[in-house]
PDB file of N, CA and C in Angstrom:
ATOM      1  N   MET A   1     -36.456  31.373 -22.999  1.00  0.00           N
ATOM      2  CA  MET A   1     -36.426  30.950 -21.621  1.00  0.00           C
ATOM      3  C   MET A   1     -35.675  29.584 -21.477  1.00  0.00           C
ATOM      4  N   ALA A   2     -35.942  28.642 -22.335  1.00  0.00           N
ATOM      5  CA  ALA A   2     -35.282  27.370 -22.329  1.00  0.00           C
ATOM      6  C   ALA A   2     -33.655  27.589 -22.555  1.00  0.00           C
ATOM      7  N   ILE A   3     -33.459  28.525 -23.432  1.00  0.00           N
ATOM      8  CA  ILE A   3     -31.856  28.546 -23.870  1.00  0.00           C
ATOM      9  C   ILE A   3     -31.295  29.288 -22.593  1.00  0.00           C
ATOM     10  N   LEU A   4     -31.947  29.943 -21.977  1.00  0.00           N
ATOM     11  CA  LEU A   4     -31.167  30.658 -20.636  1.00  0.00           C
ATOM     12  C   LEU A   4     -31.022  29.507 -19.550  1.00  0.00           C
ATOM     13  N   PHE A   5     -32.258  28.786 -19.525  1.00  0.00           N
ATOM     14  CA  PHE A   5     -31.961  27.672 -18.420  1.00  0.00           C
ATOM     15  C   PHE A   5     -30.881  26.522 -18.885  1.00  0.00           C
ATOM     16  N   LEU A   6     -30.618  26.431 -20.063  1.00  0.00           N
ATOM     17  CA  LEU A   6     -29.538  25.466 -20.497  1.00  0.00           C
ATOM     18  C   LEU A   6     -28.317  26.014 -20.282  1.00  0.00           C
ATOM     19  N   LEU A   7     -28.176  27.543 -20.567  1.00  0.00           N
ATOM     20  CA  LEU A   7     -26.864  28.191 -20.537  1.00  0.00           C
ATOM     21  C   LEU A   7     -26.460  28.229 -18.959  1.00  0.00           C
ATOM     22  N   ILE A   8     -27.517  28.398 -18.137  1.00  0.00           N
ATOM     23  CA  ILE A   8     -27.241  28.390 -16.648  1.00  0.00           C
ATOM     24  C   ILE A   8     -26.726  27.090 -16.193  1.00  0.00           C
ATOM     25  N   LEU A   9     -27.576  25.943 -16.512  1.00  0.00           N
ATOM     26  CA  LEU A   9     -26.981  24.708 -16.321  1.00  0.00           C
ATOM     27  C   LEU A   9     -25.655  24.248 -16.728  1.00  0.00           C
ATOM     28  N   VAL A  10     -25.237  24.778 -17.972  1.00  0.00           N
ATOM     29  CA  VAL A  10     -23.814  24.377 -18.466  1.00  0.00           C
ATOM     30  C   VAL A  10     -22.896  25.117 -17.750  1.00  0.00           C
ATOM     31  N   LEU A  11     -23.297  26.360 -17.253  1.00  0.00           N
ATOM     32  CA  LEU A  11     -22.245  27.201 -16.589  1.00  0.00           C
ATOM     33  C   LEU A  11     -22.014  26.564 -15.138  1.00  0.00           C
ATOM     34  N   PHE A  12     -23.232  26.029 -14.627  1.00  0.00           N
ATOM     35  CA  PHE A  12     -23.066  25.290 -13.313  1.00  0.00           C
ATOM     36  C   PHE A  12     -22.247  24.156 -13.299  1.00  0.00           C
ATOM     37  N   ILE A  13     -22.485  23.331 -14.277  1.00  0.00           N
ATOM     38  CA  ILE A  13     -21.669  22.273 -14.427  1.00  0.00           C
ATOM     39  C   ILE A  13     -20.151  22.373 -14.772  1.00  0.00           C
ATOM     40  N   LEU A  14     -19.993  23.409 -15.530  1.00  0.00           N
ATOM     41  CA  LEU A  14     -18.577  23.813 -15.803  1.00  0.00           C
ATOM     42  C   LEU A  14     -17.762  24.325 -14.512  1.00  0.00           C
ATOM     43  N   ALA A  15     -18.531  25.061 -13.778  1.00  0.00           N
ATOM     44  CA  ALA A  15     -18.008  25.859 -12.453  1.00  0.00           C
ATOM     45  C   ALA A  15     -17.817  24.495 -11.650  1.00  0.00           C
ATOM     46  N   PHE A  16     -18.693  23.629 -11.478  1.00  0.00           N
ATOM     47  CA  PHE A  16     -18.697  22.494 -10.676  1.00  0.00           C
ATOM     48  C   PHE A  16     -17.335  21.685 -10.949  1.00  0.00           C
ATOM     49  N   PHE A  17     -16.912  21.417 -12.054  1.00  0.00           N
ATOM     50  CA  PHE A  17     -15.581  20.607 -12.260  1.00  0.00           C
ATOM     51  C   PHE A  17     -14.490  21.447 -12.280  1.00  0.00           C
ATOM     52  N   LEU A  18     -14.564  22.905 -12.650  1.00  0.00           N
ATOM     53  CA  LEU A  18     -13.366  23.739 -12.754  1.00  0.00           C
ATOM     54  C   LEU A  18     -12.822  24.078 -11.335  1.00  0.00           C
ATOM     55  N   PHE A  19     -13.685  24.382 -10.525  1.00  0.00           N
ATOM     56  CA  PHE A  19     -13.305  24.955  -9.170  1.00  0.00           C
ATOM     57  C   PHE A  19     -13.365  23.719  -8.060  1.00  0.00           C
ATOM     58  N   GLY A  20     -13.445  22.499  -8.557  1.00  0.00           N
ATOM     59  CA  GLY A  20     -13.423  21.425  -7.529  1.00  0.00           C
ATOM     60  C   GLY A  20     -14.416  21.527  -6.565  1.00  0.00           C
ATOM     61  N   ILE A  21     -15.527  21.794  -6.745  1.00  0.00           N
ATOM     62  CA  ILE A  21     -16.710  21.671  -5.876  1.00  0.00           C
ATOM     63  C   ILE A  21     -17.100  20.307  -5.675  1.00  0.00           C
ATOM     64  N   ASP A  22     -16.762  19.454  -6.558  1.00  0.00           N
ATOM     65  CA  ASP A  22     -17.192  17.937  -6.450  1.00  0.00           C
ATOM     66  C   ASP A  22     -16.230  17.201  -5.347  1.00  0.00           C
ATOM     67  N   LYS A  23     -15.263  17.925  -5.074  1.00  0.00           N
ATOM     68  CA  LYS A  23     -14.382  17.309  -3.904  1.00  0.00           C
ATOM     69  C   LYS A  23     -15.095  17.190  -2.553  1.00  0.00           C
ATOM     70  N   PHE A  24     -16.145  18.173  -2.406  1.00  0.00           N
ATOM     71  CA  PHE A  24     -16.975  18.158  -1.208  1.00  0.00           C
ATOM     72  C   PHE A  24     -17.916  16.833  -1.081  1.00  0.00           C
ATOM     73  N   PHE A  25     -18.171  16.269  -2.448  1.00  0.00           N
ATOM     74  CA  PHE A  25     -19.052  15.107  -2.439  1.00  0.00           C
ATOM     75  C   PHE A  25     -18.318  13.838  -2.488  1.00  0.00           C
ATOM     76  N   LYS A  26     -17.054  13.839  -2.656  1.00  0.00           N
ATOM     77  CA  LYS A  26     -16.228  12.584  -2.816  1.00  0.00           C
ATOM     78  C   LYS A  26     -15.838  12.119  -1.462  1.00  0.00           C
ATOM     79  N   LYS A  27     -15.655  11.014  -1.196  1.00  0.00           N
ATOM     80  CA  LYS A  27     -15.177  10.550  -0.049  1.00  0.00           C
ATOM     81  C   LYS A  27     -13.879   9.834  -0.294  1.00  0.00           C
ATOM     82  N   LYS A  28     -12.612   9.926   0.333  1.00  0.00           N
ATOM     83  CA  LYS A  28     -11.513   9.547  -0.017  1.00  0.00           C
ATOM     84  C   LYS A  28     -11.258   8.251   0.732  1.00  0.00           C
ATOM     85  N   LEU A  29     -10.902   7.275   0.148  1.00  0.00           N
ATOM     86  CA  LEU A  29     -10.553   5.944   0.851  1.00  0.00           C
ATOM     87  C   LEU A  29      -9.179   6.006   1.166  1.00  0.00           C
ATOM     88  N   THR A  30      -8.913   6.151   2.358  1.00  0.00           N
ATOM     89  CA  THR A  30      -7.416   6.062   2.713  1.00  0.00           C
ATOM     90  C   THR A  30      -7.201   5.034   3.767  1.00  0.00           C
ATOM     91  N   LYS A  31      -5.834   4.363   3.694  1.00  0.00           N
ATOM     92  CA  LYS A  31      -5.556   3.359   4.453  1.00  0.00           C
ATOM     93  C   LYS A  31      -4.787   4.065   5.642  1.00  0.00           C
ATOM     94  N   LYS A  32      -5.519   4.135   6.943  1.00  0.00           N
ATOM     95  CA  LYS A  32      -5.011   4.723   8.018  1.00  0.00           C
ATOM     96  C   LYS A  32      -4.600   3.845   9.312  1.00  0.00           C
ATOM     97  N   PHE A  33      -4.193   2.483   8.917  1.00  0.00           N
ATOM     98  CA  PHE A  33      -4.024   1.618   9.981  1.00  0.00           C
ATOM     99  C   PHE A  33      -2.727   0.776   9.702  1.00  0.00           C
ATOM    100  N   PHE A  34      -1.986   0.398  10.873  1.00  0.00           N
ATOM    101  CA  PHE A  34      -0.863  -0.369  10.682  1.00  0.00           C
ATOM    102  C   PHE A  34      -1.102  -1.565  11.552  1.00  0.00           C
ATOM    103  N   TYR A  35      -0.608  -2.802  11.174  1.00  0.00           N
ATOM    104  CA  TYR A  35      -0.818  -3.877  11.909  1.00  0.00           C
ATOM    105  C   TYR A  35      -0.031  -3.888  13.208  1.00  0.00           C
ATOM    106  N   LYS A  36      -0.679  -4.347  14.276  1.00  0.00           N
ATOM    107  CA  LYS A  36       0.082  -4.235  15.589  1.00  0.00           C
ATOM    108  C   LYS A  36      -0.213  -5.748  16.048  1.00  0.00           C
ATOM    109  N   PRO A  37       0.897  -6.487  16.201  1.00  0.00           N
ATOM    110  CA  PRO A  37       0.672  -7.918  16.621  1.00  0.00           C
ATOM    111  C   PRO A  37       0.428  -7.858  17.962  1.00  0.00           C
ATOM    112  N   GLU A  38      -0.382  -8.900  18.406  1.00  0.00           N
ATOM    113  CA  GLU A  38      -0.554  -9.108  19.803  1.00  0.00           C
ATOM    114  C   GLU A  38       0.529  -9.647  20.522  1.00  0.00           C
ATOM    115  N   ASN A  39       1.328 -10.387  19.747  1.00  0.00           N
ATOM    116  CA  ASN A  39       2.532 -11.043  20.423  1.00  0.00           C
ATOM    117  C   ASN A  39       3.821 -10.391  19.963  1.00  0.00           C
ATOM    118  N   LYS A  40       4.786  -9.928  20.844  1.00  0.00           N
ATOM    119  CA  LYS A  40       6.081  -9.419  20.440  1.00  0.00           C
ATOM    120  C   LYS A  40       6.867 -10.311  19.751  1.00  0.00           C
ATOM    121  N   GLU A  41       6.724 -11.487  20.184  1.00  0.00           N
ATOM    122  CA  GLU A  41       7.686 -12.515  19.444  1.00  0.00           C
ATOM    123  C   GLU A  41       7.472 -12.680  17.906  1.00  0.00           C
ATOM    124  N   VAL A  42       6.279 -12.429  17.503  1.00  0.00           N
ATOM    125  CA  VAL A  42       5.934 -12.395  15.958  1.00  0.00           C
ATOM    126  C   VAL A  42       6.646 -11.464  15.472  1.00  0.00           C
ATOM    127  N   GLU A  43       6.686 -10.248  16.041  1.00  0.00           N
ATOM    128  CA  GLU A  43       7.049  -8.890  15.474  1.00  0.00           C
ATOM    129  C   GLU A  43       8.645  -8.893  15.399  1.00  0.00           C
ATOM    130  N   LEU A  44       9.327  -9.521  16.596  1.00  0.00           N
ATOM    131  CA  LEU A  44      10.585  -9.494  16.601  1.00  0.00           C
ATOM    132  C   LEU A  44      11.360 -10.678  16.170  1.00  0.00           C
ATOM    133  N   ASN A  45      10.798 -11.685  15.609  1.00  0.00           N
ATOM    134  CA  ASN A  45      11.363 -12.912  15.080  1.00  0.00           C
ATOM    135  C   ASN A  45      11.104 -12.965  13.536  1.00  0.00           C
ATOM    136  N   PRO A  46      12.039 -12.494  12.725  1.00  0.00           N
ATOM    137  CA  PRO A  46      11.749 -12.669  11.245  1.00  0.00           C
ATOM    138  C   PRO A  46      11.733 -13.896  10.680  1.00  0.00           C
ATOM    139  N   ASP A  47      11.959 -15.054  11.424  1.00  0.00           N
ATOM    140  CA  ASP A  47      12.077 -16.333  11.078  1.00  0.00           C
ATOM    141  C   ASP A  47      10.583 -17.002  11.139  1.00  0.00           C
ATOM    142  N   ILE A  48       9.716 -16.450  11.837  1.00  0.00           N
ATOM    143  CA  ILE A  48       8.267 -16.796  11.952  1.00  0.00           C
ATOM    144  C   ILE A  48       7.537 -16.539  10.750  1.00  0.00           C
ATOM    145  N   ASN A  49       6.734 -17.412  10.166  1.00  0.00           N
ATOM    146  CA  ASN A  49       5.964 -17.181   8.909  1.00  0.00           C
ATOM    147  C   ASN A  49       4.913 -16.317   9.294  1.00  0.00           C
ATOM    148  N   THR A  50       4.663 -15.313   8.367  1.00  0.00           N
ATOM    149  CA  THR A  50       3.461 -14.392   8.562  1.00  0.00           C
ATOM    150  C   THR A  50       2.640 -14.291   7.092  1.00  0.00           C
ATOM    151  N   LEU A  51       1.552 -14.057   7.148  1.00  0.00           N
ATOM    152  CA  LEU A  51       0.752 -13.672   6.084  1.00  0.00           C
ATOM    153  C   LEU A  51       0.172 -12.223   5.992  1.00  0.00           C
ATOM    154  N   ASN A  52       0.777 -11.408   6.971  1.00  0.00           N
ATOM    155  CA  ASN A  52       0.490 -10.043   7.075  1.00  0.00           C
ATOM    156  C   ASN A  52       1.559  -9.137   6.279  1.00  0.00           C
ATOM    157  N   TRP A  53       1.147  -8.454   5.221  1.00  0.00           N
ATOM    158  CA  TRP A  53       1.982  -7.567   4.490  1.00  0.00           C
ATOM    159  C   TRP A  53       2.723  -6.532   5.275  1.00  0.00           C
ATOM    160  N   ASP A  54       2.000  -5.960   5.954  1.00  0.00           N
ATOM    161  CA  ASP A  54       2.558  -4.758   6.807  1.00  0.00           C
ATOM    162  C   ASP A  54       3.634  -5.208   7.756  1.00  0.00           C
ATOM    163  N   LEU A  55       3.440  -6.433   8.421  1.00  0.00           N
ATOM    164  CA  LEU A  55       4.318  -6.881   9.246  1.00  0.00           C
ATOM    165  C   LEU A  55       5.633  -7.428   8.592  1.00  0.00           C
ATOM    166  N   HIS A  56       5.312  -7.952   7.485  1.00  0.00           N
ATOM    167  CA  HIS A  56       6.474  -8.433   6.588  1.00  0.00           C
ATOM    168  C   HIS A  56       7.292  -7.229   5.984  1.00  0.00           C
ATOM    169  N   LYS A  57       6.739  -6.026   5.730  1.00  0.00           N
ATOM    170  CA  LYS A  57       7.547  -4.869   5.287  1.00  0.00           C
ATOM    171  C   LYS A  57       8.301  -4.343   6.509  1.00  0.00           C
ATOM    172  N   PHE A  58       7.806  -4.506   7.658  1.00  0.00           N
ATOM    173  CA  PHE A  58       8.422  -3.858   8.895  1.00  0.00           C
ATOM    174  C   PHE A  58       9.529  -4.736   9.299  1.00  0.00           C
ATOM    175  N   ARG A  59       9.454  -6.113   8.963  1.00  0.00           N
ATOM    176  CA  ARG A  59      10.644  -6.956   9.438  1.00  0.00           C
ATOM    177  C   ARG A  59      11.735  -6.775   8.420  1.00  0.00           C
ATOM    178  N   LEU A  60      11.304  -6.657   7.202  1.00  0.00           N
ATOM    179  CA  LEU A  60      12.373  -6.373   6.301  1.00  0.00           C
ATOM    180  C   LEU A  60      13.169  -5.136   6.476  1.00  0.00           C
ATOM    181  N   ASP A  61      12.399  -4.054   6.892  1.00  0.00           N
ATOM    182  CA  ASP A  61      13.161  -2.834   7.138  1.00  0.00           C
ATOM    183  C   ASP A  61      14.016  -2.901   8.407  1.00  0.00           C
ATOM    184  N   LYS A  62      13.519  -3.815   9.367  1.00  0.00           N
ATOM    185  CA  LYS A  62      14.253  -3.826  10.679  1.00  0.00           C
ATOM    186  C   LYS A  62      15.536  -4.890  10.663  1.00  0.00           C
ATOM    187  N   PHE A  63      15.016  -6.122  10.107  1.00  0.00           N
ATOM    188  CA  PHE A  63      15.961  -7.190  10.177  1.00  0.00           C
ATOM    189  C   PHE A  63      16.640  -7.517   8.768  1.00  0.00           C
ATOM    190  N   LYS A  64      16.194  -6.881   7.777  1.00  0.00           N
ATOM    191  CA  LYS A  64      16.767  -7.222   6.490  1.00  0.00           C
ATOM    192  C   LYS A  64      16.355  -8.444   5.888  1.00  0.00           C
ATOM    193  N   ARG A  65      15.492  -9.403   6.702  1.00  0.00           N
ATOM    194  CA  ARG A  65      14.909 -10.500   6.295  1.00  0.00           C
ATOM    195  C   ARG A  65      13.621 -10.797   6.804  1.00  0.00           C
ATOM    196  N   SER A  66      12.827 -11.428   6.307  1.00  0.00           N
ATOM    197  CA  SER A  66      11.453 -11.904   6.675  1.00  0.00           C
ATOM    198  C   SER A  66      10.873 -13.105   6.100  1.00  0.00           C
ATOM    199  N   GLN A  67      10.054 -13.877   6.773  1.00  0.00           N
ATOM    200  CA  GLN A  67       9.499 -15.080   6.093  1.00  0.00           C
ATOM    201  C   GLN A  67       8.041 -14.660   5.927  1.00  0.00           C
ATOM    202  N   TYR A  68       7.588 -14.759   4.537  1.00  0.00           N
ATOM    203  CA  TYR A  68       6.344 -14.239   4.204  1.00  0.00           C
ATOM    204  C   TYR A  68       5.718 -15.469   3.366  1.00  0.00           C
ATOM    205  N   LYS A  69       4.643 -15.950   3.678  1.00  0.00           N
ATOM    206  CA  LYS A  69       3.841 -17.041   2.900  1.00  0.00           C
ATOM    207  C   LYS A  69       4.766 -18.222   2.646  1.00  0.00           C
ATOM    208  N   GLY A  70       5.713 -18.594   3.659  1.00  0.00           N
ATOM    209  CA  GLY A  70       6.542 -19.550   3.453  1.00  0.00           C
ATOM    210  C   GLY A  70       7.832 -19.422   2.807  1.00  0.00           C
ATOM    211  N   LEU A  71       8.076 -18.152   2.185  1.00  0.00           N
ATOM    212  CA  LEU A  71       9.350 -17.927   1.690  1.00  0.00           C
ATOM    213  C   LEU A  71      10.035 -16.902   2.435  1.00  0.00           C
ATOM    214  N   THR A  72      11.366 -17.180   2.714  1.00  0.00           N
ATOM    215  CA  THR A  72      12.166 -16.130   3.407  1.00  0.00           C
ATOM    216  C   THR A  72      12.679 -15.159   2.286  1.00  0.00           C
ATOM    217  N   PHE A  73      12.477 -13.864   2.591  1.00  0.00           N
ATOM    218  CA  PHE A  73      12.946 -12.764   1.632  1.00  0.00           C
ATOM    219  C   PHE A  73      14.151 -12.087   2.408  1.00  0.00           C
ATOM    220  N   PHE A  74      14.831 -11.624   1.612  1.00  0.00           N
ATOM    221  CA  PHE A  74      16.113 -10.800   2.101  1.00  0.00           C
ATOM    222  C   PHE A  74      16.208  -9.504   1.394  1.00  0.00           C
ATOM    223  N   VAL A  75      16.989  -8.539   2.078  1.00  0.00           N
ATOM    224  CA  VAL A  75      17.280  -7.182   1.453  1.00  0.00           C
ATOM    225  C   VAL A  75      18.693  -7.201   1.186  1.00  0.00           C
ATOM    226  N   SER A  76      19.211  -7.067  -0.133  1.00  0.00           N
ATOM    227  CA  SER A  76      20.603  -6.909  -0.421  1.00  0.00           C
ATOM    228  C   SER A  76      21.103  -5.627  -0.001  1.00  0.00           C
ATOM    229  N   SER A  77      22.368  -5.565  -0.178  1.00  0.00           N
ATOM    230  CA  SER A  77      23.050  -4.229   0.249  1.00  0.00           C
ATOM    231  C   SER A  77      22.596  -2.985  -0.822  1.00  0.00           C
ATOM    232  N   GLU A  78      22.214  -3.361  -2.019  1.00  0.00           N
ATOM    233  CA  GLU A  78      21.661  -2.574  -2.861  1.00  0.00           C
ATOM    234  C   GLU A  78      20.190  -2.155  -2.417  1.00  0.00           C
ATOM    235  N   ASN A  79      19.507  -2.585  -1.333  1.00  0.00           N
ATOM    236  CA  ASN A  79      18.278  -2.471  -1.139  1.00  0.00           C
ATOM    237  C   ASN A  79      17.282  -3.145  -2.057  1.00  0.00           C
ATOM    238  N   LYS A  80      17.555  -4.120  -2.610  1.00  0.00           N
ATOM    239  CA  LYS A  80      16.766  -4.840  -3.475  1.00  0.00           C
ATOM    240  C   LYS A  80      16.231  -6.137  -2.661  1.00  0.00           C
ATOM    241  N   ILE A  81      14.974  -6.403  -2.892  1.00  0.00           N
ATOM    242  CA  ILE A  81      14.369  -7.580  -2.194  1.00  0.00           C
ATOM    243  C   ILE A  81      14.517  -8.718  -3.184  1.00  0.00           C
ATOM    244  N   TYR A  82      14.996  -9.981  -2.495  1.00  0.00           N
ATOM    245  CA  TYR A  82      15.131 -11.143  -3.201  1.00  0.00           C
ATOM    246  C   TYR A  82      14.896 -12.495  -2.274  1.00  0.00           C
ATOM    247  N   TYR A  83      14.721 -13.606  -2.924  1.00  0.00           N
ATOM    248  CA  TYR A  83      14.358 -14.897  -2.146  1.00  0.00           C
ATOM    249  C   TYR A  83      15.491 -15.856  -2.909  1.00  0.00           C
ATOM    250  N   LEU A  84      15.726 -16.939  -2.230  1.00  0.00           N
ATOM    251  CA  LEU A  84      16.611 -18.076  -2.818  1.00  0.00           C
ATOM    252  C   LEU A  84      15.668 -19.003  -3.334  1.00  0.00           C
ATOM    253  N   SER A  85      16.083 -19.548  -4.655  1.00  0.00           N
ATOM    254  CA  SER A  85      15.272 -20.461  -5.273  1.00  0.00           C
ATOM    255  C   SER A  85      15.777 -21.861  -4.589  1.00  0.00           C
ATOM    256  N   GLU A  86      15.060 -23.023  -5.134  1.00  0.00           N
ATOM    257  CA  GLU A  86      15.569 -24.288  -4.636  1.00  0.00           C
ATOM    258  C   GLU A  86      17.066 -24.630  -5.049  1.00  0.00           C
ATOM    259  N   GLU A  87      17.314 -24.071  -6.079  1.00  0.00           N
ATOM    260  CA  GLU A  87      18.820 -24.232  -6.547  1.00  0.00           C
ATOM    261  C   GLU A  87      19.836 -23.310  -5.819  1.00  0.00           C
ATOM    262  N   GLY A  88      19.389 -22.401  -5.107  1.00  0.00           N
ATOM    263  CA  GLY A  88      20.259 -21.519  -4.345  1.00  0.00           C
ATOM    264  C   GLY A  88      20.331 -20.292  -5.000  1.00  0.00           C
ATOM    265  N   ASP A  89      19.815 -19.924  -6.276  1.00  0.00           N
ATOM    266  CA  ASP A  89      20.032 -18.723  -6.969  1.00  0.00           C
ATOM    267  C   ASP A  89      18.967 -17.677  -6.279  1.00  0.00           C
ATOM    268  N   LYS A  90      19.688 -16.392  -6.417  1.00  0.00           N
ATOM    269  CA  LYS A  90      18.932 -15.257  -5.884  1.00  0.00           C
ATOM    270  C   LYS A  90      17.897 -14.951  -7.006  1.00  0.00           C
ATOM    271  N   VAL A  91      16.654 -14.940  -6.485  1.00  0.00           N
ATOM    272  CA  VAL A  91      15.448 -14.347  -7.505  1.00  0.00           C
ATOM    273  C   VAL A  91      15.105 -13.003  -6.870  1.00  0.00           C
ATOM    274  N   TYR A  92      15.247 -11.925  -7.777  1.00  0.00           N
ATOM    275  CA  TYR A  92      14.923 -10.661  -7.272  1.00  0.00           C
ATOM    276  C   TYR A  92      13.652 -10.297  -7.638  1.00  0.00           C
ATOM    277  N   CYS A  93      12.781  -9.579  -6.662  1.00  0.00           N
ATOM    278  CA  CYS A  93      11.358  -9.200  -6.872  1.00  0.00           C
ATOM    279  C   CYS A  93      11.377  -7.958  -7.497  1.00  0.00           C
TER     280      CYS A  93
END
């Protein structure tokens, strides 16, 4: 009787993982939000400093430059992101 119980338990666990039944119990953590600034000037001026990563990416796509955490980042013609060092050299990210 114990062997039958163990066999059923093993089959249940195997079916649980093989058929993806565990997907019903898992909760996915998805990011379904995008930053919407209260002020259009912040969104439309890439020279205003921002700490928001989503706004920074938006401005890089739109204007090919954006100031993020005190540094001005640029997008090159090859679509590579860089900033200028104190000596004026391009530092690619």
